[in-house]
Amino acid sequence: MTPQHPQNPAQLRLPGKEFSAPESAAVHGGHEWRLGITPPVVTPIFQTAAYELPSTAAAAGIFDLQQDGHAYSRLNNPTCDVFEERMAAVDGAAAGLAVASGQAAITLSLLNLCQAGDNIVSSDELYGGSWNLLANTFARFGIEVRFVSPAEPDNFKAASDERTRCFFGETLPNPRLRIFPIEAVAAQAEELGIPLVLDNTMLPYLCRPMEHGAHVVVYSATKYIGGHGSTLSWARRPRTTGRSYPTPRSPSSAR
C-alpha cells in the first residue's frame, strides 16, 4: 500500500489545541502526524528548501499569504511551525515566531514598533548584549532608548512622551535576578496604549508574563528551553495577532 501523501506539510500543525497543563503543551504542542504511516514520537526535521505544490493557483495563494502552506523554508518550515505553536501553547500566546538569535528576536520585536524619531523606555537591569543593542545599535537607527530603574514602576510612565512606542524589560534580569514588576508596568503601558515587551528567558516554566499583562514575550532558547547551551535560538510570542513577522529561523536549529 502506498502511504497517503499530505496535500501540504501544514497538516502537521495542530492550531488552537487546548492543553490542561504546561507540561503537556511543552511535549505535544503543535504536533499531529497525518502522513498515513506509523507516526514518530518526536516531530522530524524537515531539511528542505522547497515544497511540492499541487497547482500554480495554490502556489500563488501560499506565496501571497492568502492560504496556509509552505513554499520556501526562508518563509516558513513545518518543523519551525511545530516549535512556534508549542512555545505559544506553553505561554498562552496567540502565536509564536522562531528566529536565529536573541538579538534578532529583540530587534525584530522592537523595530516592528518603532522607527526613526521614536523612543523606547527600558529597564536598566538587562543582559549585557541587550543593553548594548538598545544603547548603541538602536541609536544608529534614530531610535532613542531611555533607561529607568524598575525598582520604581512609575519611572516608566514618567519617562514616556508622545513618541514612546513601547516598554521593555526582563522578568528576572541577568545577572542581578531582581524580579520585574510586570503588572504595575503593564498597567502603565495599557494606560498609554503601548505594549510591554518582556524577555522571559530565565523563567519560561515558572512565569507566564501575558497572564500578568505583558503584550509580547521573547526568549533565548539557548538557556532554559534548550537546557544545555548547545542550540542558538530565540522565540517571540505576541499576546494578540494582527502583524506579520516574516523572519523564521532555519530548520536545522529546530531540534
Protein backbone atom coordinates (compact mmCIF):
# COMPACT_ATOMS: atom_id res chain seq x y z
CA MET A 1 0.00 0.00 0.00
CA THR A 2 1.30 3.45 -0.87
CA PRO A 3 1.27 5.83 2.09
CA GLN A 4 -1.07 8.77 1.69
CA HIS A 5 0.85 11.91 0.80
CA PRO A 6 -0.33 15.07 2.58
CA GLN A 7 -1.66 17.87 0.40
CA ASN A 8 0.73 20.19 2.19
CA PRO A 9 3.08 19.91 5.20
CA ALA A 10 0.91 22.30 7.21
CA GLN A 11 -1.15 19.22 8.11
CA LEU A 12 1.46 18.51 10.77
CA ARG A 13 0.23 21.54 12.67
CA LEU A 14 -2.41 21.46 15.35
CA PRO A 15 -3.54 25.08 15.78
CA GLY A 16 -5.86 26.08 18.56
CA LYS A 17 -5.50 22.91 20.66
CA GLU A 18 -6.01 23.48 24.36
CA PHE A 19 -3.81 21.84 26.98
CA SER A 20 -4.68 21.39 30.64
CA ALA A 21 -1.09 21.80 31.82
CA PRO A 22 2.08 23.48 30.53
CA GLU A 23 3.88 20.11 30.75
CA SER A 24 1.53 18.70 28.10
CA ALA A 25 1.88 21.76 25.89
CA ALA A 26 5.68 21.58 26.12
CA VAL A 27 5.67 17.97 24.90
CA HIS A 28 2.77 17.81 22.45
CA GLY A 29 2.02 21.38 21.32
CA GLY A 30 1.86 21.82 17.54
CA HIS A 31 2.46 18.15 16.70
CA GLU A 32 -0.01 15.96 14.84
CA TRP A 33 1.07 13.33 12.33
CA ARG A 34 -1.13 12.75 9.26
CA LEU A 35 1.12 11.07 6.73
CA GLY A 36 -0.73 7.74 6.90
CA ILE A 37 2.31 5.88 8.26
CA THR A 38 3.47 4.82 11.72
CA PRO A 39 3.87 8.17 13.48
CA PRO A 40 7.14 9.31 15.06
CA VAL A 41 7.13 10.26 18.73
CA VAL A 42 9.19 13.38 18.01
CA THR A 43 8.48 15.81 15.16
CA PRO A 44 11.11 15.26 12.43
CA ILE A 45 13.38 17.93 10.99
CA PHE A 46 12.20 18.98 7.55
CA GLN A 47 15.56 19.59 5.87
CA THR A 48 14.28 21.09 2.64
CA ALA A 49 14.28 24.45 0.92
CA ALA A 50 11.28 23.96 -1.39
CA TYR A 51 8.00 22.05 -1.36
CA GLU A 52 5.81 20.21 -3.85
CA LEU A 53 2.77 22.37 -4.63
CA PRO A 54 -0.42 20.90 -6.13
CA SER A 55 -1.09 23.73 -8.60
CA THR A 56 0.01 27.18 -9.71
CA ALA A 57 -3.10 28.59 -8.05
CA ALA A 58 -2.10 27.03 -4.73
CA ALA A 59 1.45 28.33 -5.17
CA ALA A 60 0.14 31.84 -5.81
CA GLY A 61 -2.10 31.67 -2.75
CA ILE A 62 0.69 30.48 -0.47
CA PHE A 63 3.28 32.98 -1.73
CA ASP A 64 0.67 35.75 -1.45
CA LEU A 65 -0.07 34.67 2.15
CA GLN A 66 -3.71 34.08 1.26
CA GLN A 67 -3.72 30.41 2.31
CA ASP A 68 -1.80 28.13 4.65
CA GLY A 69 1.06 26.06 3.33
CA HIS A 70 4.78 26.01 2.70
CA ALA A 71 6.58 27.19 -0.40
CA TYR A 72 10.10 28.08 0.70
CA SER A 73 11.83 27.47 4.04
CA ARG A 74 13.12 31.02 4.28
CA LEU A 75 9.47 31.96 4.85
CA ASN A 76 8.29 29.04 6.97
CA ASN A 77 9.02 25.39 7.68
CA PRO A 78 6.92 22.57 9.21
CA THR A 79 9.44 21.85 11.95
CA CYS A 80 9.62 25.51 12.92
CA ASP A 81 5.82 25.71 12.81
CA VAL A 82 5.55 22.99 15.45
CA PHE A 83 8.14 24.68 17.67
CA GLU A 84 6.40 28.04 17.34
CA GLU A 85 2.97 26.64 18.16
CA ARG A 86 4.34 24.63 21.08
CA MET A 87 6.00 27.68 22.57
CA ALA A 88 2.84 29.72 22.11
CA ALA A 89 0.79 26.97 23.80
CA VAL A 90 3.11 26.94 26.81
CA ASP A 91 2.77 30.72 27.22
CA GLY A 92 -0.91 31.08 26.33
CA ALA A 93 0.02 33.37 23.43
CA ALA A 94 -1.85 33.98 20.18
CA ALA A 95 1.13 32.88 18.07
CA GLY A 96 4.89 32.40 18.15
CA LEU A 97 7.84 33.12 15.88
CA ALA A 98 11.25 31.43 15.97
CA VAL A 99 14.31 33.39 14.82
CA ALA A 100 18.05 32.85 14.71
CA SER A 101 19.28 34.57 17.88
CA GLY A 102 18.35 36.62 20.91
CA GLN A 103 19.47 39.87 19.35
CA ALA A 104 17.36 39.06 16.28
CA ALA A 105 14.27 38.43 18.42
CA ILE A 106 14.55 41.67 20.36
CA THR A 107 15.46 43.67 17.25
CA LEU A 108 12.56 42.22 15.27
CA SER A 109 10.09 42.88 18.07
CA LEU A 110 11.12 46.46 18.70
CA LEU A 111 11.68 47.55 15.09
CA ASN A 112 8.14 46.44 14.30
CA LEU A 113 7.02 49.00 16.88
CA CYS A 114 9.49 51.84 16.33
CA GLN A 115 11.04 53.95 13.62
CA ALA A 116 13.49 56.86 13.50
CA GLY A 117 12.38 59.60 15.87
CA ASP A 118 10.57 57.25 18.26
CA ASN A 119 11.74 56.19 21.70
CA ILE A 120 11.60 53.15 24.00
CA VAL A 121 11.52 53.21 27.79
CA SER A 122 13.55 50.26 29.05
CA SER A 123 14.53 48.77 32.36
CA ASP A 124 18.17 49.49 33.19
CA GLU A 125 18.59 45.93 34.50
CA LEU A 126 19.29 43.93 31.34
CA TYR A 127 21.52 41.22 29.93
CA GLY A 128 24.66 42.91 28.59
CA GLY A 129 24.01 42.05 24.95
CA SER A 130 20.52 43.54 25.15
CA TRP A 131 21.86 46.68 26.80
CA ASN A 132 24.43 47.15 24.04
CA LEU A 133 21.80 46.60 21.35
CA LEU A 134 19.46 49.21 22.82
CA ALA A 135 22.04 51.75 23.94
CA ASN A 136 24.27 51.69 20.86
CA THR A 137 22.80 49.89 17.83
CA PHE A 138 19.32 51.40 18.08
CA ALA A 139 20.83 54.89 18.22
CA ARG A 140 22.17 54.29 14.69
CA PHE A 141 18.55 53.80 13.57
CA GLY A 142 17.50 57.08 15.15
CA ILE A 143 15.63 55.36 17.99
CA GLU A 144 16.22 56.72 21.49
CA VAL A 145 16.18 54.31 24.43
CA ARG A 146 15.53 55.78 27.88
CA PHE A 147 16.76 53.55 30.70
CA VAL A 148 14.95 53.66 34.05
CA SER A 149 15.08 51.65 37.25
CA PRO A 150 12.26 49.08 37.56
CA ALA A 151 12.51 49.39 41.35
CA GLU A 152 10.01 52.25 40.95
CA PRO A 153 7.43 51.19 38.33
CA ASP A 154 6.19 54.77 37.90
CA ASN A 155 9.56 55.58 36.31
CA PHE A 156 8.34 54.07 33.05
CA LYS A 157 5.38 56.40 32.64
CA ALA A 158 7.38 59.38 33.89
CA ALA A 159 9.99 58.84 31.15
CA SER A 160 7.39 58.50 28.38
CA ASP A 161 6.12 61.05 25.88
CA GLU A 162 4.05 61.10 22.68
CA ARG A 163 6.84 59.34 20.74
CA THR A 164 7.22 56.42 23.18
CA ARG A 165 6.28 53.23 21.37
CA CYS A 166 6.84 50.51 23.99
CA PHE A 167 8.27 49.50 27.36
CA PHE A 168 10.96 46.80 27.60
CA GLY A 169 12.36 44.72 30.44
CA GLU A 170 13.41 41.28 31.71
CA THR A 171 11.24 39.32 34.14
CA LEU A 172 14.29 38.09 36.05
CA PRO A 173 17.22 40.21 34.86
CA ASN A 174 20.57 38.67 34.03
CA PRO A 175 22.69 38.84 36.19
CA ARG A 176 21.04 40.71 39.11
CA LEU A 177 17.93 38.48 39.31
CA ARG A 178 15.64 41.17 40.75
CA ILE A 179 12.03 40.47 39.80
CA PHE A 180 10.48 42.88 37.29
CA PRO A 181 7.14 44.45 38.41
CA ILE A 182 5.16 43.14 35.43
CA GLU A 183 1.63 44.06 36.49
CA ALA A 184 2.48 47.60 37.58
CA VAL A 185 4.39 48.44 34.40
CA ALA A 186 1.85 46.65 32.19
CA ALA A 187 -0.91 48.81 33.70
CA GLN A 188 1.02 51.95 32.73
CA ALA A 189 1.56 50.59 29.23
CA GLU A 190 -2.18 49.93 28.88
CA GLU A 191 -2.95 53.44 30.06
CA LEU A 192 -0.67 54.89 27.39
CA GLY A 193 -1.86 52.46 24.70
CA ILE A 194 1.57 50.94 24.09
CA PRO A 195 2.86 47.35 24.51
CA LEU A 196 5.08 45.95 27.23
CA VAL A 197 7.75 43.69 25.68
CA LEU A 198 9.38 41.29 28.15
CA ASP A 199 12.38 38.98 27.95
CA ASN A 200 11.36 35.90 29.97
CA THR A 201 14.47 33.80 29.28
CA MET A 202 15.10 32.94 32.94
CA LEU A 203 11.53 31.89 33.80
CA PRO A 204 9.75 30.13 30.91
CA TYR A 205 8.26 27.48 33.18
CA LEU A 206 7.67 29.47 36.37
CA CYS A 207 6.19 32.65 34.90
CA ARG A 208 3.67 33.34 32.11
CA PRO A 209 4.07 37.12 31.63
CA MET A 210 0.95 37.50 29.49
CA GLU A 211 -1.18 36.41 32.43
CA HIS A 212 0.19 39.48 34.23
CA GLY A 213 -0.35 41.96 31.40
CA ALA A 214 2.68 41.67 29.09
CA HIS A 215 1.91 42.04 25.38
CA VAL A 216 4.97 40.47 23.69
CA VAL A 217 7.36 37.94 25.25
CA VAL A 218 10.78 36.89 23.93
CA TYR A 219 13.02 34.00 24.99
CA SER A 220 16.53 32.73 24.47
CA ALA A 221 16.21 29.02 23.66
CA THR A 222 19.90 28.57 24.47
CA LYS A 223 19.16 28.65 28.20
CA TYR A 224 16.24 27.00 30.00
CA ILE A 225 14.35 25.97 26.85
CA GLY A 226 17.27 24.15 25.20
CA GLY A 227 18.56 23.01 28.56
CA HIS A 228 22.24 22.62 27.77
CA GLY A 229 23.57 25.64 25.85
CA SER A 230 24.08 23.79 22.56
CA THR A 231 21.43 25.43 20.33
CA LEU A 232 21.33 29.11 19.42
CA SER A 233 17.74 30.24 19.01
CA TRP A 234 15.08 32.61 20.21
CA ALA A 235 11.31 32.73 20.13
CA ARG A 236 8.93 35.66 20.35
CA ARG A 237 5.25 35.44 21.18
CA PRO A 238 2.61 38.16 20.87
CA ARG A 239 -0.43 38.18 23.12
CA THR A 240 -2.65 39.04 20.15
CA THR A 241 -2.28 38.64 16.39
CA GLY A 242 -2.52 41.32 13.71
CA ARG A 243 1.05 41.80 12.50
CA SER A 244 3.21 39.90 10.01
CA TYR A 245 6.69 38.84 11.17
CA PRO A 246 8.37 37.09 8.18
CA THR A 247 11.70 36.11 9.74
CA PRO A 248 11.79 32.41 10.68
CA ARG A 249 14.90 30.56 11.68
CA SER A 250 16.47 27.66 9.83
CA PRO A 251 15.07 24.12 10.24
CA SER A 252 18.43 22.77 11.42
CA SER A 253 18.09 24.71 14.69
CA ALA A 254 14.65 23.24 15.48
CA ARG A 255 15.81 20.15 17.33
